[in-house]
Amino acid sequence: MNQQQLSRIIARKSKGTATRFTTKEVEHCLNLLLEAMIDELTHPDGKITFSNFGILEVVEQQSHGGKLRVGNSDELTDVAPIRHVIKLRVSRKLKAKLWTEISE
């Protein structure tokens, strides 16, 4: 599912509620949500918690390392750079639903 498909689904589901949204309004809200999430995750110790879904957080990981040439010389040094990756810790409720849905 991409962002446009998600927007259509949310707009369709809002038809049965008191507040109806158009697909364009939903897309605008999703864009604002994504901007806010990006801002939070690019801060040090950024973390986003969605109840009944999970926690998104940025963690540091050691990469596999490698060799780096120093200046213009032929000398190589070992490098162990740190990478920043986004990790999702899934909630218990979602885990349980995944297990029941997938096993069927």
N, C-alpha and C. Protein backbone atom coordinates (compact mmCIF):
# COMPACT_ATOMS: atom_id res chain seq x y z
N MET A 1 0.85 -1.17 0.00
CA MET A 1 0.00 0.00 0.00
C MET A 1 0.90 1.24 0.00
N ASN A 2 0.60 2.17 -0.87
CA ASN A 2 1.35 3.42 -0.88
C ASN A 2 0.51 4.53 -0.25
N GLN A 3 1.07 5.73 -0.22
CA GLN A 3 0.41 6.85 0.47
C GLN A 3 -0.92 7.22 -0.20
N GLN A 4 -0.98 7.17 -1.50
CA GLN A 4 -2.22 7.53 -2.20
C GLN A 4 -3.32 6.51 -1.91
N GLN A 5 -2.97 5.25 -1.91
CA GLN A 5 -3.96 4.21 -1.60
C GLN A 5 -4.45 4.35 -0.15
N LEU A 6 -3.54 4.64 0.76
CA LEU A 6 -3.92 4.85 2.15
C LEU A 6 -4.86 6.04 2.29
N SER A 7 -4.59 7.10 1.56
CA SER A 7 -5.46 8.28 1.59
C SER A 7 -6.87 7.95 1.13
N ARG A 8 -6.97 7.16 0.06
CA ARG A 8 -8.28 6.77 -0.44
C ARG A 8 -9.05 5.93 0.58
N ILE A 9 -8.36 5.00 1.22
CA ILE A 9 -9.00 4.13 2.21
C ILE A 9 -9.52 4.95 3.38
N ILE A 10 -8.70 5.88 3.88
CA ILE A 10 -9.12 6.71 5.02
C ILE A 10 -10.29 7.59 4.62
N ALA A 11 -10.24 8.19 3.43
CA ALA A 11 -11.34 9.04 2.97
C ALA A 11 -12.63 8.22 2.83
N ARG A 12 -12.53 7.01 2.32
CA ARG A 12 -13.69 6.15 2.16
C ARG A 12 -14.28 5.77 3.52
N LYS A 13 -13.40 5.46 4.48
CA LYS A 13 -13.88 5.08 5.82
C LYS A 13 -14.48 6.27 6.57
N SER A 14 -14.08 7.49 6.22
CA SER A 14 -14.63 8.67 6.90
C SER A 14 -16.04 9.01 6.43
N LYS A 15 -16.49 8.42 5.35
CA LYS A 15 -17.84 8.70 4.84
C LYS A 15 -18.92 8.31 5.84
N GLY A 16 -18.69 7.28 6.63
CA GLY A 16 -19.69 6.84 7.60
C GLY A 16 -19.59 7.55 8.94
N THR A 17 -18.75 8.57 9.05
CA THR A 17 -18.58 9.29 10.32
C THR A 17 -19.19 10.68 10.21
N ALA A 18 -19.20 11.40 11.33
CA ALA A 18 -19.76 12.75 11.34
C ALA A 18 -18.91 13.71 10.52
N THR A 19 -17.58 13.50 10.50
CA THR A 19 -16.69 14.36 9.75
C THR A 19 -16.20 13.60 8.52
N ARG A 20 -16.55 14.09 7.35
CA ARG A 20 -16.13 13.45 6.10
C ARG A 20 -14.92 14.17 5.55
N PHE A 21 -13.97 13.41 5.07
CA PHE A 21 -12.75 13.97 4.51
C PHE A 21 -12.63 13.59 3.05
N THR A 22 -12.09 14.51 2.26
CA THR A 22 -11.79 14.20 0.87
C THR A 22 -10.41 13.55 0.83
N THR A 23 -10.11 12.94 -0.30
CA THR A 23 -8.80 12.31 -0.47
C THR A 23 -7.69 13.34 -0.37
N LYS A 24 -7.91 14.54 -0.92
CA LYS A 24 -6.89 15.60 -0.85
C LYS A 24 -6.65 16.04 0.58
N GLU A 25 -7.70 16.15 1.39
CA GLU A 25 -7.54 16.54 2.80
C GLU A 25 -6.76 15.47 3.56
N VAL A 26 -7.05 14.21 3.28
CA VAL A 26 -6.34 13.13 3.95
C VAL A 26 -4.87 13.12 3.53
N GLU A 27 -4.59 13.32 2.25
CA GLU A 27 -3.21 13.37 1.78
C GLU A 27 -2.45 14.50 2.45
N HIS A 28 -3.11 15.66 2.60
CA HIS A 28 -2.47 16.79 3.27
C HIS A 28 -2.15 16.44 4.73
N CYS A 29 -3.08 15.81 5.42
CA CYS A 29 -2.86 15.40 6.81
C CYS A 29 -1.73 14.38 6.91
N LEU A 30 -1.69 13.43 5.98
CA LEU A 30 -0.61 12.43 5.99
C LEU A 30 0.75 13.08 5.76
N ASN A 31 0.80 14.07 4.85
CA ASN A 31 2.05 14.78 4.62
C ASN A 31 2.51 15.52 5.87
N LEU A 32 1.57 16.16 6.57
CA LEU A 32 1.91 16.85 7.82
C LEU A 32 2.39 15.85 8.87
N LEU A 33 1.73 14.70 8.95
CA LEU A 33 2.13 13.66 9.89
C LEU A 33 3.54 13.16 9.60
N LEU A 34 3.83 12.91 8.33
CA LEU A 34 5.16 12.42 7.96
C LEU A 34 6.24 13.46 8.24
N GLU A 35 5.95 14.72 7.99
CA GLU A 35 6.91 15.79 8.30
C GLU A 35 7.21 15.83 9.79
N ALA A 36 6.17 15.73 10.61
CA ALA A 36 6.36 15.75 12.07
C ALA A 36 7.15 14.52 12.52
N MET A 37 6.89 13.36 11.92
CA MET A 37 7.63 12.16 12.28
C MET A 37 9.10 12.27 11.90
N ILE A 38 9.37 12.82 10.72
CA ILE A 38 10.75 13.01 10.29
C ILE A 38 11.47 13.97 11.22
N ASP A 39 10.80 15.07 11.59
CA ASP A 39 11.41 16.02 12.53
C ASP A 39 11.76 15.36 13.85
N GLU A 40 10.86 14.53 14.36
CA GLU A 40 11.10 13.88 15.65
C GLU A 40 12.22 12.85 15.55
N LEU A 41 12.25 12.07 14.48
CA LEU A 41 13.25 11.01 14.37
C LEU A 41 14.63 11.54 14.03
N THR A 42 14.74 12.77 13.53
CA THR A 42 16.06 13.33 13.25
C THR A 42 16.65 14.06 14.44
N HIS A 43 15.90 14.21 15.53
CA HIS A 43 16.45 14.77 16.77
C HIS A 43 17.18 13.69 17.53
N PRO A 44 18.16 14.07 18.35
CA PRO A 44 18.81 13.07 19.20
C PRO A 44 17.77 12.43 20.13
N ASP A 45 17.87 11.15 20.32
CA ASP A 45 16.94 10.38 21.15
C ASP A 45 15.50 10.49 20.67
N GLY A 46 15.29 10.65 19.37
CA GLY A 46 13.94 10.74 18.82
C GLY A 46 13.22 9.40 18.93
N LYS A 47 11.97 9.48 19.32
CA LYS A 47 11.17 8.26 19.48
C LYS A 47 9.71 8.60 19.25
N ILE A 48 9.00 7.73 18.54
CA ILE A 48 7.58 7.92 18.30
C ILE A 48 6.86 6.66 18.78
N THR A 49 5.86 6.86 19.64
CA THR A 49 5.11 5.74 20.19
C THR A 49 3.67 5.79 19.71
N PHE A 50 3.24 4.70 19.09
CA PHE A 50 1.85 4.53 18.69
C PHE A 50 1.28 3.40 19.53
N SER A 51 0.28 3.71 20.36
CA SER A 51 -0.30 2.65 21.17
C SER A 51 -0.97 1.63 20.25
N ASN A 52 -0.90 0.39 20.61
CA ASN A 52 -1.43 -0.74 19.85
C ASN A 52 -0.77 -0.94 18.49
N PHE A 53 0.35 -0.27 18.23
CA PHE A 53 1.09 -0.49 16.99
C PHE A 53 2.55 -0.78 17.30
N GLY A 54 3.23 0.18 17.93
CA GLY A 54 4.63 -0.04 18.26
C GLY A 54 5.37 1.25 18.50
N ILE A 55 6.69 1.13 18.60
CA ILE A 55 7.57 2.26 18.86
C ILE A 55 8.59 2.36 17.74
N LEU A 56 8.69 3.54 17.15
CA LEU A 56 9.73 3.83 16.16
C LEU A 56 10.82 4.61 16.86
N GLU A 57 12.07 4.15 16.74
CA GLU A 57 13.17 4.89 17.35
C GLU A 57 14.43 4.74 16.52
N VAL A 58 15.32 5.72 16.64
CA VAL A 58 16.58 5.69 15.93
C VAL A 58 17.63 5.08 16.85
N VAL A 59 18.33 4.08 16.35
CA VAL A 59 19.39 3.44 17.13
C VAL A 59 20.67 3.48 16.33
N GLU A 60 21.80 3.44 17.05
CA GLU A 60 23.11 3.41 16.40
C GLU A 60 23.55 1.97 16.24
N GLN A 61 24.07 1.63 15.08
CA GLN A 61 24.60 0.30 14.83
C GLN A 61 26.00 0.41 14.26
N GLN A 62 26.83 -0.51 14.63
CA GLN A 62 28.15 -0.59 14.02
C GLN A 62 27.99 -1.20 12.64
N SER A 63 28.63 -0.59 11.66
CA SER A 63 28.60 -1.22 10.34
C SER A 63 29.70 -2.27 10.29
N HIS A 64 29.85 -2.92 9.17
CA HIS A 64 30.83 -4.00 9.06
C HIS A 64 32.25 -3.50 8.95
N GLY A 65 32.41 -2.19 8.94
CA GLY A 65 33.76 -1.64 8.89
C GLY A 65 34.30 -1.63 7.48
N GLY A 66 35.59 -1.41 7.36
CA GLY A 66 36.20 -1.39 6.04
C GLY A 66 37.53 -0.69 6.10
N LYS A 67 38.04 -0.33 4.97
CA LYS A 67 39.33 0.35 4.86
C LYS A 67 39.10 1.74 4.27
N LEU A 68 39.90 2.69 4.74
CA LEU A 68 39.80 4.06 4.25
C LEU A 68 41.19 4.55 3.92
N ARG A 69 41.34 5.15 2.77
CA ARG A 69 42.63 5.70 2.35
C ARG A 69 42.84 7.03 3.06
N VAL A 70 44.04 7.23 3.60
CA VAL A 70 44.36 8.46 4.33
C VAL A 70 45.02 9.43 3.36
N GLY A 71 44.32 10.55 3.12
CA GLY A 71 44.87 11.59 2.24
C GLY A 71 45.18 11.06 0.86
N ASN A 72 46.32 11.50 0.30
CA ASN A 72 46.73 11.06 -1.03
C ASN A 72 47.69 9.88 -0.98
N SER A 73 48.01 9.40 0.22
CA SER A 73 48.96 8.29 0.34
C SER A 73 48.27 6.96 0.07
N ASP A 74 49.07 5.91 0.00
CA ASP A 74 48.54 4.57 -0.22
C ASP A 74 48.24 3.85 1.08
N GLU A 75 48.37 4.56 2.21
CA GLU A 75 48.15 3.97 3.52
C GLU A 75 46.64 3.80 3.77
N LEU A 76 46.25 2.61 4.24
CA LEU A 76 44.85 2.33 4.55
C LEU A 76 44.68 2.18 6.05
N THR A 77 43.59 2.69 6.56
CA THR A 77 43.28 2.53 7.99
C THR A 77 41.95 1.83 8.14
N ASP A 78 41.79 1.12 9.25
CA ASP A 78 40.52 0.45 9.53
C ASP A 78 39.50 1.47 9.99
N VAL A 79 38.29 1.30 9.50
CA VAL A 79 37.20 2.21 9.86
C VAL A 79 36.03 1.39 10.37
N ALA A 80 35.46 1.79 11.48
CA ALA A 80 34.26 1.15 12.01
C ALA A 80 33.20 2.24 12.20
N PRO A 81 32.59 2.71 11.11
CA PRO A 81 31.62 3.79 11.25
C PRO A 81 30.34 3.32 11.93
N ILE A 82 29.67 4.27 12.48
CA ILE A 82 28.39 4.01 13.14
C ILE A 82 27.28 4.44 12.19
N ARG A 83 26.29 3.57 12.03
CA ARG A 83 25.14 3.90 11.20
C ARG A 83 23.94 4.18 12.09
N HIS A 84 23.07 5.04 11.63
CA HIS A 84 21.81 5.29 12.34
C HIS A 84 20.70 4.61 11.56
N VAL A 85 19.94 3.75 12.23
CA VAL A 85 18.85 3.05 11.58
C VAL A 85 17.58 3.22 12.41
N ILE A 86 16.44 3.11 11.74
CA ILE A 86 15.15 3.21 12.42
C ILE A 86 14.70 1.80 12.76
N LYS A 87 14.35 1.61 14.00
CA LYS A 87 13.92 0.31 14.48
C LYS A 87 12.46 0.39 14.91
N LEU A 88 11.69 -0.63 14.57
CA LEU A 88 10.30 -0.71 15.00
C LEU A 88 10.18 -1.82 16.02
N ARG A 89 9.71 -1.47 17.20
CA ARG A 89 9.40 -2.47 18.22
C ARG A 89 7.88 -2.62 18.21
N VAL A 90 7.43 -3.78 17.80
CA VAL A 90 6.01 -4.03 17.59
C VAL A 90 5.32 -4.25 18.94
N SER A 91 4.09 -3.71 19.06
CA SER A 91 3.32 -3.87 20.30
C SER A 91 2.81 -5.30 20.43
N ARG A 92 2.45 -5.67 21.63
CA ARG A 92 1.94 -7.02 21.90
C ARG A 92 0.65 -7.28 21.12
N LYS A 93 -0.20 -6.27 21.06
CA LYS A 93 -1.48 -6.44 20.38
C LYS A 93 -1.28 -6.72 18.89
N LEU A 94 -0.38 -5.98 18.25
CA LEU A 94 -0.10 -6.20 16.83
C LEU A 94 0.57 -7.55 16.61
N LYS A 95 1.51 -7.93 17.50
CA LYS A 95 2.14 -9.24 17.39
C LYS A 95 1.11 -10.35 17.44
N ALA A 96 0.18 -10.25 18.39
CA ALA A 96 -0.84 -11.28 18.53
C ALA A 96 -1.71 -11.35 17.27
N LYS A 97 -2.08 -10.20 16.73
CA LYS A 97 -2.91 -10.17 15.53
C LYS A 97 -2.15 -10.75 14.34
N LEU A 98 -0.88 -10.42 14.22
CA LEU A 98 -0.07 -10.97 13.13
C LEU A 98 0.01 -12.49 13.21
N TRP A 99 0.21 -13.01 14.41
CA TRP A 99 0.32 -14.46 14.56
C TRP A 99 -0.98 -15.16 14.19
N THR A 100 -2.11 -14.57 14.60
CA THR A 100 -3.38 -15.23 14.29
C THR A 100 -3.74 -15.09 12.82
N GLU A 101 -3.46 -13.94 12.21
CA GLU A 101 -3.80 -13.71 10.80
C GLU A 101 -2.91 -14.53 9.87
N ILE A 102 -1.62 -14.58 10.17
CA ILE A 102 -0.69 -15.27 9.29
C ILE A 102 -0.83 -16.78 9.40
N SER A 103 -1.12 -17.29 10.59
CA SER A 103 -1.21 -18.74 10.77
C SER A 103 -2.46 -19.34 10.13
N GLU A 104 -3.45 -18.52 9.82
CA GLU A 104 -4.69 -19.03 9.23
C GLU A 104 -4.56 -19.33 7.77
